[in-house]
C-alpha atoms as a PDB file:
ATOM      1  CA  UNK A   1      85.799 131.848 124.656  1.00  0.00           C
ATOM      2  CA  UNK A   2      89.177 133.040 123.505  1.00  0.00           C
ATOM      3  CA  UNK A   3      90.258 135.121 126.284  1.00  0.00           C
ATOM      4  CA  UNK A   4      89.247 132.930 129.159  1.00  0.00           C
ATOM      5  CA  UNK A   5      91.821 131.396 130.972  1.00  0.00           C
ATOM      6  CA  UNK A   6      91.570 127.678 131.671  1.00  0.00           C
ATOM      7  CA  UNK A   7      93.111 126.077 135.320  1.00  0.00           C
ATOM      8  CA  UNK A   8      95.226 123.471 134.460  1.00  0.00           C
ATOM      9  CA  UNK A   9      96.416 120.561 136.450  1.00  0.00           C
ATOM     10  CA  UNK A  10      99.204 117.957 135.966  1.00  0.00           C
ATOM     11  CA  UNK A  11      98.675 114.251 137.612  1.00  0.00           C
ATOM     12  CA  UNK A  12     102.159 113.110 137.695  1.00  0.00           C
ATOM     13  CA  UNK A  13     105.154 115.443 137.781  1.00  0.00           C
ATOM     14  CA  UNK A  14     108.190 113.420 136.618  1.00  0.00           C
ATOM     15  CA  UNK A  15     110.265 114.722 133.677  1.00  0.00           C
ATOM     16  CA  UNK A  16     107.320 114.608 131.509  1.00  0.00           C
ATOM     17  CA  UNK A  17     105.178 116.333 133.342  1.00  0.00           C
ATOM     18  CA  UNK A  18     107.581 119.265 134.110  1.00  0.00           C
ATOM     19  CA  UNK A  19     108.026 119.574 130.758  1.00  0.00           C
ATOM     20  CA  UNK A  20     104.083 119.721 129.848  1.00  0.00           C
ATOM     21  CA  UNK A  21     104.314 122.439 132.679  1.00  0.00           C
ATOM     22  CA  UNK A  22     106.613 124.700 130.732  1.00  0.00           C
ATOM     23  CA  UNK A  23     104.762 124.781 127.693  1.00  0.00           C
ATOM     24  CA  UNK A  24     101.178 125.040 129.154  1.00  0.00           C
ATOM     25  CA  UNK A  25     101.962 128.232 130.715  1.00  0.00           C
ATOM     26  CA  UNK A  26     103.588 129.390 127.317  1.00  0.00           C
ATOM     27  CA  UNK A  27     100.180 129.489 126.007  1.00  0.00           C
ATOM     28  CA  UNK A  28      98.175 132.493 126.986  1.00  0.00           C
ATOM     29  CA  UNK A  29      94.692 130.948 127.973  1.00  0.00           C
ATOM     30  CA  UNK A  30      96.479 128.112 129.862  1.00  0.00           C
ATOM     31  CA  UNK A  31      97.377 128.516 133.424  1.00  0.00           C
ATOM     32  CA  UNK A  32      98.789 125.309 135.957  1.00  0.00           C
ATOM     33  CA  UNK A  33      97.666 126.121 139.163  1.00  0.00           C
ATOM     34  CA  UNK A  34      98.112 122.757 140.747  1.00  0.00           C
ATOM     35  CA  UNK A  35     100.671 119.074 140.609  1.00  0.00           C
ATOM     36  CA  UNK A  36     100.371 116.318 141.995  1.00  0.00           C
ATOM     37  CA  UNK A  37     103.171 113.551 142.455  1.00  0.00           C
ATOM     38  CA  UNK A  38     104.205 110.615 144.992  1.00  0.00           C
ATOM     39  CA  UNK A  39     107.231 112.685 145.735  1.00  0.00           C
ATOM     40  CA  UNK A  40     105.077 115.713 147.424  1.00  0.00           C
ATOM     41  CA  UNK A  41     105.264 113.494 151.233  1.00  0.00           C
ATOM     42  CA  UNK A  42     103.007 116.611 152.501  1.00  0.00           C
ATOM     43  CA  UNK A  43     100.590 119.204 150.745  1.00  0.00           C
ATOM     44  CA  UNK A  44     102.611 122.529 149.604  1.00  0.00           C
ATOM     45  CA  UNK A  45     103.598 125.099 146.729  1.00  0.00           C
ATOM     46  CA  UNK A  46     105.732 126.249 144.820  1.00  0.00           C
ATOM     47  CA  UNK A  47     107.039 129.938 145.109  1.00  0.00           C
ATOM     48  CA  UNK A  48     105.297 130.774 141.627  1.00  0.00           C
ATOM     49  CA  UNK A  49     101.545 129.708 143.681  1.00  0.00           C
ATOM     50  CA  UNK A  50     101.331 126.378 142.006  1.00  0.00           C
ATOM     51  CA  UNK A  51      99.997 123.962 145.048  1.00  0.00           C
ATOM     52  CA  UNK A  52     101.807 120.535 144.703  1.00  0.00           C
ATOM     53  CA  UNK A  53      99.636 117.520 146.422  1.00  0.00           C
ATOM     54  CA  UNK A  54     100.406 113.641 147.043  1.00  0.00           C
ATOM     55  CA  UNK A  55      97.909 111.970 144.779  1.00  0.00           C
ATOM     56  CA  UNK A  56      95.389 112.804 142.201  1.00  0.00           C
ATOM     57  CA  UNK A  57      92.248 112.557 144.242  1.00  0.00           C
ATOM     58  CA  UNK A  58      93.790 115.476 146.122  1.00  0.00           C
ATOM     59  CA  UNK A  59      94.043 117.055 142.797  1.00  0.00           C
ATOM     60  CA  UNK A  60      91.135 116.624 141.359  1.00  0.00           C
ATOM     61  CA  UNK A  61      89.446 118.742 144.539  1.00  0.00           C
ATOM     62  CA  UNK A  62      90.842 121.675 142.924  1.00  0.00           C
ATOM     63  CA  UNK A  63      89.152 124.244 140.862  1.00  0.00           C
ATOM     64  CA  UNK A  64      90.747 122.710 137.613  1.00  0.00           C
ATOM     65  CA  UNK A  65      89.007 122.688 133.775  1.00  0.00           C
ATOM     66  CA  UNK A  66      92.103 120.676 132.613  1.00  0.00           C
ATOM     67  CA  UNK A  67      93.928 117.590 133.180  1.00  0.00           C
ATOM     68  CA  UNK A  68      97.281 116.652 132.010  1.00  0.00           C
ATOM     69  CA  UNK A  69      97.629 112.803 132.927  1.00  0.00           C
ATOM     70  CA  UNK A  70     101.622 111.885 132.856  1.00  0.00           C
ATOM     71  CA  UNK A  71     101.466 109.245 135.231  1.00  0.00           C
ATOM     72  CA  UNK A  72     102.588 105.341 134.586  1.00  0.00           C
ATOM     73  CA  UNK A  73     100.515 103.471 132.621  1.00  0.00           C
ATOM     74  CA  UNK A  74      98.497 101.265 135.363  1.00  0.00           C
ATOM     75  CA  UNK A  75      97.522 104.675 136.350  1.00  0.00           C
ATOM     76  CA  UNK A  76      96.776 106.395 133.158  1.00  0.00           C
ATOM     77  CA  UNK A  77      93.345 105.349 132.098  1.00  0.00           C
ATOM     78  CA  UNK A  78      91.954 105.385 135.639  1.00  0.00           C
ATOM     79  CA  UNK A  79      93.192 109.067 136.127  1.00  0.00           C
ATOM     80  CA  UNK A  80      91.735 110.492 132.362  1.00  0.00           C
ATOM     81  CA  UNK A  81      88.680 108.505 133.276  1.00  0.00           C
ATOM     82  CA  UNK A  82      88.094 110.155 136.584  1.00  0.00           C
ATOM     83  CA  UNK A  83      88.985 113.414 135.339  1.00  0.00           C
ATOM     84  CA  UNK A  84      86.415 113.117 132.657  1.00  0.00           C
ATOM     85  CA  UNK A  85      83.613 112.207 135.421  1.00  0.00           C
ATOM     86  CA  UNK A  86      85.014 115.725 136.789  1.00  0.00           C
ATOM     87  CA  UNK A  87      83.800 117.294 133.924  1.00  0.00           C
ATOM     88  CA  UNK A  88      87.676 118.039 133.052  1.00  0.00           C
ATOM     89  CA  UNK A  89      89.324 118.056 129.424  1.00  0.00           C
ATOM     90  CA  UNK A  90      91.983 115.895 129.470  1.00  0.00           C
ATOM     91  CA  UNK A  91      95.306 115.224 128.325  1.00  0.00           C
ATOM     92  CA  UNK A  92      96.675 111.430 128.369  1.00  0.00           C
ATOM     93  CA  UNK A  93     100.429 110.882 127.903  1.00  0.00           C
ATOM     94  CA  UNK A  94     101.502 107.484 125.906  1.00  0.00           C
ATOM     95  CA  UNK A  95     100.358 104.115 126.110  1.00  0.00           C
ATOM     96  CA  UNK A  96      96.924 105.256 126.755  1.00  0.00           C
ATOM     97  CA  UNK A  97      96.745 102.463 129.202  1.00  0.00           C
ATOM     98  CA  UNK A  98      97.955  99.124 129.438  1.00  0.00           C
ATOM     99  CA  UNK A  99      95.621  96.966 127.209  1.00  0.00           C
ATOM    100  CA  UNK A 100      93.169  97.861 124.344  1.00  0.00           C
ATOM    101  CA  UNK A 101      90.646  96.885 127.127  1.00  0.00           C
ATOM    102  CA  UNK A 102      91.657 100.131 129.303  1.00  0.00           C
ATOM    103  CA  UNK A 103      91.088 102.242 126.524  1.00  0.00           C
ATOM    104  CA  UNK A 104      87.565 100.837 125.406  1.00  0.00           C
ATOM    105  CA  UNK A 105      86.996 101.793 128.911  1.00  0.00           C
ATOM    106  CA  UNK A 106      88.102 105.129 128.945  1.00  0.00           C
ATOM    107  CA  UNK A 107      85.942 105.704 125.258  1.00  0.00           C
ATOM    108  CA  UNK A 108      82.854 104.558 126.971  1.00  0.00           C
ATOM    109  CA  UNK A 109      83.639 107.158 129.911  1.00  0.00           C
ATOM    110  CA  UNK A 110      83.846 109.937 127.065  1.00  0.00           C
ATOM    111  CA  UNK A 111      80.636 109.449 125.517  1.00  0.00           C
ATOM    112  CA  UNK A 112      78.844 109.798 128.670  1.00  0.00           C
ATOM    113  CA  UNK A 113      80.707 113.327 128.547  1.00  0.00           C
ATOM    114  CA  UNK A 114      79.649 114.983 125.372  1.00  0.00           C
ATOM    115  CA  UNK A 115      81.913 118.371 125.239  1.00  0.00           C
ATOM    116  CA  UNK A 116      85.249 117.452 126.567  1.00  0.00           C
ATOM    117  CA  UNK A 117      88.514 117.457 124.673  1.00  0.00           C
ATOM    118  CA  UNK A 118      90.459 113.966 125.508  1.00  0.00           C
ATOM    119  CA  UNK A 119      93.956 113.932 123.501  1.00  0.00           C
ATOM    120  CA  UNK A 120      96.447 111.547 123.692  1.00  0.00           C
ATOM    121  CA  UNK A 121     100.235 112.803 123.702  1.00  0.00           C
ATOM    122  CA  UNK A 122     101.819 111.079 120.331  1.00  0.00           C
ATOM    123  CA  UNK A 123     104.279 113.574 120.630  1.00  0.00           C
ATOM    124  CA  UNK A 124     106.418 112.388 117.185  1.00  0.00           C
ATOM    125  CA  UNK A 125     103.172 113.680 114.686  1.00  0.00           C
ATOM    126  CA  UNK A 126     104.265 117.285 116.034  1.00  0.00           C
ATOM    127  CA  UNK A 127     108.019 117.176 114.803  1.00  0.00           C
ATOM    128  CA  UNK A 128     109.178 119.138 111.885  1.00  0.00           C
ATOM    129  CA  UNK A 129     110.399 116.301 109.944  1.00  0.00           C
ATOM    130  CA  UNK A 130     106.944 113.497 110.179  1.00  0.00           C
ATOM    131  CA  UNK A 131     104.622 116.632 109.334  1.00  0.00           C
ATOM    132  CA  UNK A 132     107.405 117.721 106.412  1.00  0.00           C
ATOM    133  CA  UNK A 133     107.471 113.852 104.771  1.00  0.00           C
ATOM    134  CA  UNK A 134     103.573 113.393 105.776  1.00  0.00           C
ATOM    135  CA  UNK A 135     103.217 116.671 103.705  1.00  0.00           C
ATOM    136  CA  UNK A 136     105.494 115.330 100.892  1.00  0.00           C
ATOM    137  CA  UNK A 137     103.725 111.999 100.569  1.00  0.00           C
ATOM    138  CA  UNK A 138     100.240 113.910 100.839  1.00  0.00           C
ATOM    139  CA  UNK A 139     101.270 116.418  97.448  1.00  0.00           C
ATOM    140  CA  UNK A 140     101.651 113.312  95.656  1.00  0.00           C
ATOM    141  CA  UNK A 141     105.137 114.874  94.779  1.00  0.00           C
ATOM    142  CA  UNK A 142     107.179 111.653  95.362  1.00  0.00           C
ATOM    143  CA  UNK A 143     103.847 109.495  94.163  1.00  0.00           C
ATOM    144  CA  UNK A 144     103.089 106.534  96.418  1.00  0.00           C
ATOM    145  CA  UNK A 145     103.749 104.648  98.952  1.00  0.00           C
ATOM    146  CA  UNK A 146     105.690 101.541  98.155  1.00  0.00           C
ATOM    147  CA  UNK A 147     107.011 100.082 101.399  1.00  0.00           C
ATOM    148  CA  UNK A 148     108.441 101.330 105.252  1.00  0.00           C
ATOM    149  CA  UNK A 149     110.517 100.314 107.689  1.00  0.00           C
ATOM    150  CA  UNK A 150     111.314 101.953 110.652  1.00  0.00           C
ATOM    151  CA  UNK A 151     113.738 101.101 113.975  1.00  0.00           C
ATOM    152  CA  UNK A 152     113.197 102.701 117.427  1.00  0.00           C
ATOM    153  CA  UNK A 153     115.417 101.473 119.906  1.00  0.00           C
ATOM    154  CA  UNK A 154     116.846 102.475 123.585  1.00  0.00           C
ATOM    155  CA  UNK A 155     120.210 101.683 125.119  1.00  0.00           C
ATOM    156  CA  UNK A 156     120.215  99.330 128.374  1.00  0.00           C
ATOM    157  CA  UNK A 157     120.213 101.966 130.831  1.00  0.00           C
ATOM    158  CA  UNK A 158     116.637 102.633 130.898  1.00  0.00           C
ATOM    159  CA  UNK A 159     114.093 101.185 131.709  1.00  0.00           C
ATOM    160  CA  UNK A 160     114.301  97.718 131.567  1.00  0.00           C
ATOM    161  CA  UNK A 161     116.782  96.895 133.637  1.00  0.00           C
ATOM    162  CA  UNK A 162     114.050  97.288 136.352  1.00  0.00           C
ATOM    163  CA  UNK A 163     110.883  99.652 137.731  1.00  0.00           C
ATOM    164  CA  UNK A 164     107.811  99.643 137.092  1.00  0.00           C
ATOM    165  CA  UNK A 165     107.968  99.115 133.250  1.00  0.00           C
ATOM    166  CA  UNK A 166     109.498  95.616 133.871  1.00  0.00           C
ATOM    167  CA  UNK A 167     106.407  94.177 135.827  1.00  0.00           C
ATOM    168  CA  UNK A 168     103.549  93.360 133.080  1.00  0.00           C
ATOM    169  CA  UNK A 169     100.472  93.929 135.836  1.00  0.00           C
ATOM    170  CA  UNK A 170     101.869  97.652 136.245  1.00  0.00           C
ATOM    171  CA  UNK A 171     103.250  98.415 132.129  1.00  0.00           C
ATOM    172  CA  UNK A 172     100.910  96.251 129.901  1.00  0.00           C
ATOM    173  CA  UNK A 173     103.805  95.590 127.831  1.00  0.00           C
ATOM    174  CA  UNK A 174     108.106  96.414 127.099  1.00  0.00           C
ATOM    175  CA  UNK A 175     109.367  98.765 124.722  1.00  0.00           C
ATOM    176  CA  UNK A 176     106.538  98.314 121.987  1.00  0.00           C
ATOM    177  CA  UNK A 177     104.183  99.336 123.990  1.00  0.00           C
ATOM    178  CA  UNK A 178     106.776 102.088 126.247  1.00  0.00           C
ATOM    179  CA  UNK A 179     108.246 103.316 122.668  1.00  0.00           C
ATOM    180  CA  UNK A 180     107.841 101.678 119.855  1.00  0.00           C
ATOM    181  CA  UNK A 181     104.416 102.593 119.871  1.00  0.00           C
ATOM    182  CA  UNK A 182     105.427 105.764 118.513  1.00  0.00           C
ATOM    183  CA  UNK A 183     107.146 104.332 115.471  1.00  0.00           C
ATOM    184  CA  UNK A 184     103.130 102.543 114.998  1.00  0.00           C
ATOM    185  CA  UNK A 185     101.623 105.215 115.433  1.00  0.00           C
ATOM    186  CA  UNK A 186     103.447 106.635 112.611  1.00  0.00           C
ATOM    187  CA  UNK A 187     103.351 103.835 110.411  1.00  0.00           C
ATOM    188  CA  UNK A 188      99.728 103.944 110.731  1.00  0.00           C
ATOM    189  CA  UNK A 189      99.714 107.885 109.707  1.00  0.00           C
ATOM    190  CA  UNK A 190     101.332 107.176 107.007  1.00  0.00           C
ATOM    191  CA  UNK A 191      99.693 104.354 105.426  1.00  0.00           C
ATOM    192  CA  UNK A 192      96.248 103.615 107.392  1.00  0.00           C
ATOM    193  CA  UNK A 193      95.039 100.484 108.634  1.00  0.00           C
ATOM    194  CA  UNK A 194      97.471  97.396 108.342  1.00  0.00           C
ATOM    195  CA  UNK A 195      95.408  94.038 107.419  1.00  0.00           C
ATOM    196  CA  UNK A 196      97.711  91.024 107.818  1.00  0.00           C
ATOM    197  CA  UNK A 197     100.449  91.267 110.809  1.00  0.00           C
ATOM    198  CA  UNK A 198     103.564  88.594 111.425  1.00  0.00           C
ATOM    199  CA  UNK A 199     105.686  88.857 114.744  1.00  0.00           C
ATOM    200  CA  UNK A 200     108.106  87.342 116.438  1.00  0.00           C
ATOM    201  CA  UNK A 201     108.177  88.988 120.134  1.00  0.00           C
ATOM    202  CA  UNK A 202     111.085  88.319 122.820  1.00  0.00           C
ATOM    203  CA  UNK A 203     111.930  88.936 126.381  1.00  0.00           C
ATOM    204  CA  UNK A 204     115.362  86.482 126.239  1.00  0.00           C
ATOM    205  CA  UNK A 205     117.911  89.455 127.096  1.00  0.00           C
ATOM    206  CA  UNK A 206     116.075  91.164 130.165  1.00  0.00           C
ATOM    207  CA  UNK A 207     114.176  88.117 130.764  1.00  0.00           C
ATOM    208  CA  UNK A 208     111.311  90.358 132.448  1.00  0.00           C
ATOM    209  CA  UNK A 209     107.862  89.445 131.857  1.00  0.00           C
ATOM    210  CA  UNK A 210     107.990  92.472 129.001  1.00  0.00           C
ATOM    211  CA  UNK A 211     109.638  91.727 125.676  1.00  0.00           C
ATOM    212  CA  UNK A 212     112.406  93.552 125.283  1.00  0.00           C
ATOM    213  CA  UNK A 213     112.609  93.400 121.397  1.00  0.00           C
ATOM    214  CA  UNK A 214     109.662  92.809 119.107  1.00  0.00           C
ATOM    215  CA  UNK A 215     109.691  92.370 115.216  1.00  0.00           C
ATOM    216  CA  UNK A 216     106.689  93.289 113.019  1.00  0.00           C
ATOM    217  CA  UNK A 217     105.716  92.946 109.102  1.00  0.00           C
ATOM    218  CA  UNK A 218     102.413  94.897 108.402  1.00  0.00           C
ATOM    219  CA  UNK A 219     100.632  94.606 105.435  1.00  0.00           C
ATOM    220  CA  UNK A 220      98.233  96.915 104.635  1.00  0.00           C
ATOM    221  CA  UNK A 221      94.651  96.923 102.404  1.00  0.00           C
ATOM    222  CA  UNK A 222      97.139  98.555  99.667  1.00  0.00           C
ATOM    223  CA  UNK A 223      99.301  95.771  99.483  1.00  0.00           C
ATOM    224  CA  UNK A 224     101.913  98.006 101.132  1.00  0.00           C
ATOM    225  CA  UNK A 225     104.446  96.627 103.565  1.00  0.00           C
ATOM    226  CA  UNK A 226     106.056  97.600 106.706  1.00  0.00           C
ATOM    227  CA  UNK A 227     109.109  96.164 108.844  1.00  0.00           C
ATOM    228  CA  UNK A 228     109.185  97.503 112.356  1.00  0.00           C
ATOM    229  CA  UNK A 229     111.828  96.311 115.264  1.00  0.00           C
ATOM    230  CA  UNK A 230     111.184  98.265 118.545  1.00  0.00           C
ATOM    231  CA  UNK A 231     114.364  96.986 120.758  1.00  0.00           C
ATOM    232  CA  UNK A 232     115.790  97.870 124.151  1.00  0.00           C
ATOM    233  CA  UNK A 233     118.946  95.744 123.171  1.00  0.00           C
ATOM    234  CA  UNK A 234     120.327  98.717 120.949  1.00  0.00           C
ATOM    235  CA  UNK A 235     122.899  99.794 122.967  1.00  0.00           C
ATOM    236  CA  UNK A 236     122.662 103.177 121.429  1.00  0.00           C
ATOM    237  CA  UNK A 237     119.759 105.005 121.237  1.00  0.00           C
ATOM    238  CA  UNK A 238     118.107 105.201 117.524  1.00  0.00           C
ATOM    239  CA  UNK A 239     114.939 106.201 115.603  1.00  0.00           C
ATOM    240  CA  UNK A 240     114.705 105.749 111.763  1.00  0.00           C
ATOM    241  CA  UNK A 241     112.331 105.277 108.961  1.00  0.00           C
ATOM    242  CA  UNK A 242     112.974 104.897 105.325  1.00  0.00           C
ATOM    243  CA  UNK A 243     109.287 105.220 103.360  1.00  0.00           C
ATOM    244  CA  UNK A 244     110.183 104.165  99.138  1.00  0.00           C
ATOM    245  CA  UNK A 245     107.442 105.590  97.422  1.00  0.00           C
ATOM    246  CA  UNK A 246     107.415 105.129  93.456  1.00  0.00           C
ATOM    247  CA  UNK A 247     108.910 107.898  92.827  1.00  0.00           C
ATOM    248  CA  UNK A 248     111.790 108.937  95.059  1.00  0.00           C
ATOM    249  CA  UNK A 249     112.440 107.829  98.851  1.00  0.00           C
ATOM    250  CA  UNK A 250     111.899 109.579 102.369  1.00  0.00           C
ATOM    251  CA  UNK A 251     114.229 108.746 105.339  1.00  0.00           C
ATOM    252  CA  UNK A 252     113.481 109.967 108.536  1.00  0.00           C
ATOM    253  CA  UNK A 253     116.921 110.047 110.353  1.00  0.00           C
ATOM    254  CA  UNK A 254     117.281 111.066 114.666  1.00  0.00           C
ATOM    255  CA  UNK A 255     114.795 112.620 116.500  1.00  0.00           C
ATOM    256  CA  UNK A 256     115.314 115.683 118.845  1.00  0.00           C
ATOM    257  CA  UNK A 257     114.602 114.315 122.184  1.00  0.00           C
ATOM    258  CA  UNK A 258     115.058 115.824 125.968  1.00  0.00           C
ATOM    259  CA  UNK A 259     118.081 113.586 126.497  1.00  0.00           C
ATOM    260  CA  UNK A 260     119.496 114.793 122.885  1.00  0.00           C
ATOM    261  CA  UNK A 261     120.026 111.331 122.710  1.00  0.00           C
ATOM    262  CA  UNK A 262     118.267 110.313 119.007  1.00  0.00           C
ATOM    263  CA  UNK A 263     121.531 112.456 117.549  1.00  0.00           C
ATOM    264  CA  UNK A 264     119.904 115.242 114.513  1.00  0.00           C
ATOM    265  CA  UNK A 265     116.388 115.180 113.632  1.00  0.00           C
ATOM    266  CA  UNK A 266     116.707 114.948 109.517  1.00  0.00           C
ATOM    267  CA  UNK A 267     114.712 114.406 106.599  1.00  0.00           C
ATOM    268  CA  UNK A 268     116.500 113.202 103.742  1.00  0.00           C
ATOM    269  CA  UNK A 269     114.437 113.312 100.620  1.00  0.00           C
ATOM    270  CA  UNK A 270     115.449 111.472  97.437  1.00  0.00           C
ATOM    271  CA  UNK A 271     114.143 111.313  94.191  1.00  0.00           C
ATOM    272  CA  UNK A 272     114.150 107.813  91.740  1.00  0.00           C
ATOM    273  CA  UNK A 273     116.097 107.937  88.900  1.00  0.00           C
ATOM    274  CA  UNK A 274     117.014 105.747  85.974  1.00  0.00           C
ATOM    275  CA  UNK A 275     120.600 105.793  86.754  1.00  0.00           C
ATOM    276  CA  UNK A 276     122.340 101.842  87.639  1.00  0.00           C
ATOM    277  CA  UNK A 277     123.689 103.814  91.075  1.00  0.00           C
ATOM    278  CA  UNK A 278     120.326 104.924  92.123  1.00  0.00           C
ATOM    279  CA  UNK A 279     119.539 108.571  93.170  1.00  0.00           C
ATOM    280  CA  UNK A 280     122.255 111.083  92.159  1.00  0.00           C
ATOM    281  CA  UNK A 281     120.389 113.966  94.196  1.00  0.00           C
ATOM    282  CA  UNK A 282     119.036 114.070  97.553  1.00  0.00           C
ATOM    283  CA  UNK A 283     117.692 116.869  99.898  1.00  0.00           C
ATOM    284  CA  UNK A 284     119.035 116.664 102.951  1.00  0.00           C
ATOM    285  CA  UNK A 285     116.836 118.927 105.984  1.00  0.00           C
ATOM    286  CA  UNK A 286     118.383 119.749 109.539  1.00  0.00           C
ATOM    287  CA  UNK A 287     115.911 120.363 112.416  1.00  0.00           C
ATOM    288  CA  UNK A 288     118.131 122.014 115.129  1.00  0.00           C
ATOM    289  CA  UNK A 289     114.623 123.320 117.206  1.00  0.00           C
ATOM    290  CA  UNK A 290     112.066 120.558 119.108  1.00  0.00           C
ATOM    291  CA  UNK A 291     108.538 122.438 118.751  1.00  0.00           C
ATOM    292  CA  UNK A 292     106.748 119.303 119.303  1.00  0.00           C
ATOM    293  CA  UNK A 293     105.680 119.921 122.806  1.00  0.00           C
ATOM    294  CA  UNK A 294     104.693 123.376 122.347  1.00  0.00           C
ATOM    295  CA  UNK A 295     102.689 122.844 119.290  1.00  0.00           C
ATOM    296  CA  UNK A 296     100.508 119.627 120.868  1.00  0.00           C
ATOM    297  CA  UNK A 297      99.916 121.383 123.628  1.00  0.00           C
ATOM    298  CA  UNK A 298      98.659 124.784 121.610  1.00  0.00           C
ATOM    299  CA  UNK A 299      96.665 122.547 119.284  1.00  0.00           C
ATOM    300  CA  UNK A 300      94.782 121.200 122.303  1.00  0.00           C
ATOM    301  CA  UNK A 301      94.293 124.513 123.627  1.00  0.00           C
ATOM    302  CA  UNK A 302      92.836 125.613 120.362  1.00  0.00           C
ATOM    303  CA  UNK A 303      89.943 122.807 120.122  1.00  0.00           C
ATOM    304  CA  UNK A 304      89.257 123.481 123.879  1.00  0.00           C
ATOM    305  CA  UNK A 305      88.621 127.029 122.944  1.00  0.00           C
ATOM    306  CA  UNK A 306      86.560 126.854 119.930  1.00  0.00           C
ATOM    307  CA  UNK A 307      84.844 123.648 120.776  1.00  0.00           C
ATOM    308  CA  UNK A 308      85.991 121.398 117.971  1.00  0.00           C
ATOM    309  CA  UNK A 309      86.984 117.895 118.022  1.00  0.00           C
ATOM    310  CA  UNK A 310      90.040 116.877 119.205  1.00  0.00           C
ATOM    311  CA  UNK A 311      92.177 117.348 116.081  1.00  0.00           C
ATOM    312  CA  UNK A 312      95.379 114.745 116.182  1.00  0.00           C
ATOM    313  CA  UNK A 313      95.456 111.726 118.668  1.00  0.00           C
ATOM    314  CA  UNK A 314      91.534 111.458 119.433  1.00  0.00           C
ATOM    315  CA  UNK A 315      90.646 108.086 121.295  1.00  0.00           C
ATOM    316  CA  UNK A 316      89.568 106.501 118.091  1.00  0.00           C
ATOM    317  CA  UNK A 317      93.022 107.145 116.951  1.00  0.00           C
ATOM    318  CA  UNK A 318      94.577 105.894 120.405  1.00  0.00           C
ATOM    319  CA  UNK A 319      92.239 102.728 120.248  1.00  0.00           C
ATOM    320  CA  UNK A 320      93.417 102.013 116.589  1.00  0.00           C
ATOM    321  CA  UNK A 321      97.463 102.304 117.662  1.00  0.00           C
ATOM    322  CA  UNK A 322      96.920 100.433 120.855  1.00  0.00           C
ATOM    323  CA  UNK A 323      95.139  97.410 118.642  1.00  0.00           C
ATOM    324  CA  UNK A 324      97.591  97.600 116.139  1.00  0.00           C
ATOM    325  CA  UNK A 325     100.287  96.992 119.473  1.00  0.00           C
ATOM    326  CA  UNK A 326      98.553  94.122 120.311  1.00  0.00           C
ATOM    327  CA  UNK A 327      98.353  92.262 116.901  1.00  0.00           C
ATOM    328  CA  UNK A 328     101.522  92.605 116.883  1.00  0.00           C
ATOM    329  CA  UNK A 329     101.896  90.682 120.328  1.00  0.00           C
ATOM    330  CA  UNK A 330      98.820  88.707 119.371  1.00  0.00           C
ATOM    331  CA  UNK A 331     100.607  87.290 115.893  1.00  0.00           C
ATOM    332  CA  UNK A 332     103.489  85.945 117.813  1.00  0.00           C
ATOM    333  CA  UNK A 333     102.081  82.020 118.432  1.00  0.00           C
ATOM    334  CA  UNK A 334     104.574  81.656 121.723  1.00  0.00           C
ATOM    335  CA  UNK A 335     104.065  84.921 123.175  1.00  0.00           C
ATOM    336  CA  UNK A 336     100.342  84.639 122.843  1.00  0.00           C
ATOM    337  CA  UNK A 337     100.229  81.478 124.720  1.00  0.00           C
ATOM    338  CA  UNK A 338     103.008  82.347 127.432  1.00  0.00           C
ATOM    339  CA  UNK A 339     101.250  85.273 128.211  1.00  0.00           C
ATOM    340  CA  UNK A 340      97.918  84.966 127.316  1.00  0.00           C
ATOM    341  CA  UNK A 341      97.500  87.808 124.859  1.00  0.00           C
ATOM    342  CA  UNK A 342      93.647  88.189 123.715  1.00  0.00           C
ATOM    343  CA  UNK A 343      92.622  88.993 119.627  1.00  0.00           C
ATOM    344  CA  UNK A 344      92.406  92.547 120.032  1.00  0.00           C
ATOM    345  CA  UNK A 345      90.053  92.528 117.552  1.00  0.00           C
ATOM    346  CA  UNK A 346      87.846  90.631 119.341  1.00  0.00           C
ATOM    347  CA  UNK A 347      84.619  92.067 120.640  1.00  0.00           C
END
C-alpha cells in the first residue's frame, strides 16, 4: 500500500511535537491532520487546516491511523496504550514511561493488537556519526571492543531547576532517565546486554527527589566494561563517547541538536600502532547536517507501509534500555533504599 496516505495525530505539541510535524509532512504518505496540547484553550485549526485540540481524548476521536506521542513521562505510556487500543500505529518519544512496569503494561496492550507498529524515539541511533561508528564495529576493521566510556551532560538551565521533570511522581527519574537514557541505549547498541552494574546516584546539588548525577560502571557478558556519567551539573552541554577496540579507537564528540549547544558532531577514527606516543594518524569526520529526525520518521512509515516489524526502537528494545536504567538506580544501595527502587529484573 505504498500510495496510501496515512492520517497522523500528534499528542503533545511542544518543541518536539512541532519538530516531528515538520518531518512527518515531508514523507509523501504521511499527513498531520490534528494535534493536541494543553496550550490550546479551545479547539481550533491552523491556516493549513490542522485541528488543534486541548487533550489527547479529543485527539483520539479524530479519524487517525497513526499517532505520535510527545508528552511528559507520566502520560507517555497511558496515551500509547490508548492509541493502540484505538487501532493506531504509535510512535512514542523516549523515555517510554516512568518505570519498567509502564513499559510492560504497554507491551501487554501491544500483544493484544497484533499488526500495529509501535516504535520508540531513540533518536541518537539515527545520527550519522553513530551509524558510521556502528558500521565500523560490525565490519571488524578495528577489531573487537575492549571498553567504552561516555559522558552526557546538561547545563543548569533545563530542566532540573524545576518543573515536572524535577518531580519523581511525574518524571519517574532525573537526568539519567531524561537524557542519559540515550547514552545507555547506545551502549546497549554497541555491546548488547550488560550483566553487572555498579553505580553511585546523587541528587545532592539540586536537592530534588530525582537524580542530578548518575555514575555507572557496567560489564557485559563478554567482559567488556562501560563507564557512564549522566549529569545535570556539567554547566556546559556535553556529549562524548570513546570506544577502545583491539585495532584502534572511535570517538564520538558532540552531537547535532535543535539547540546546537552540544557542538559540532564528529567521529574520530584512530588506528592502533606500536609507537610509544600512541596513534600517529587519525581520521576526523565532521557532520554538518542532522537527518536523524527525518530518517527515523521515514523508517517508521516504511515499516507501517510494508507491514513489517519495527526495525529499530521496538518495545522489546525500549524495555531492555529501561531495565538497564533502573539497574543503575537499583545498584546504588542508598538510592535504592531511599526511593524504594524495585529490582527491574524481578518478575
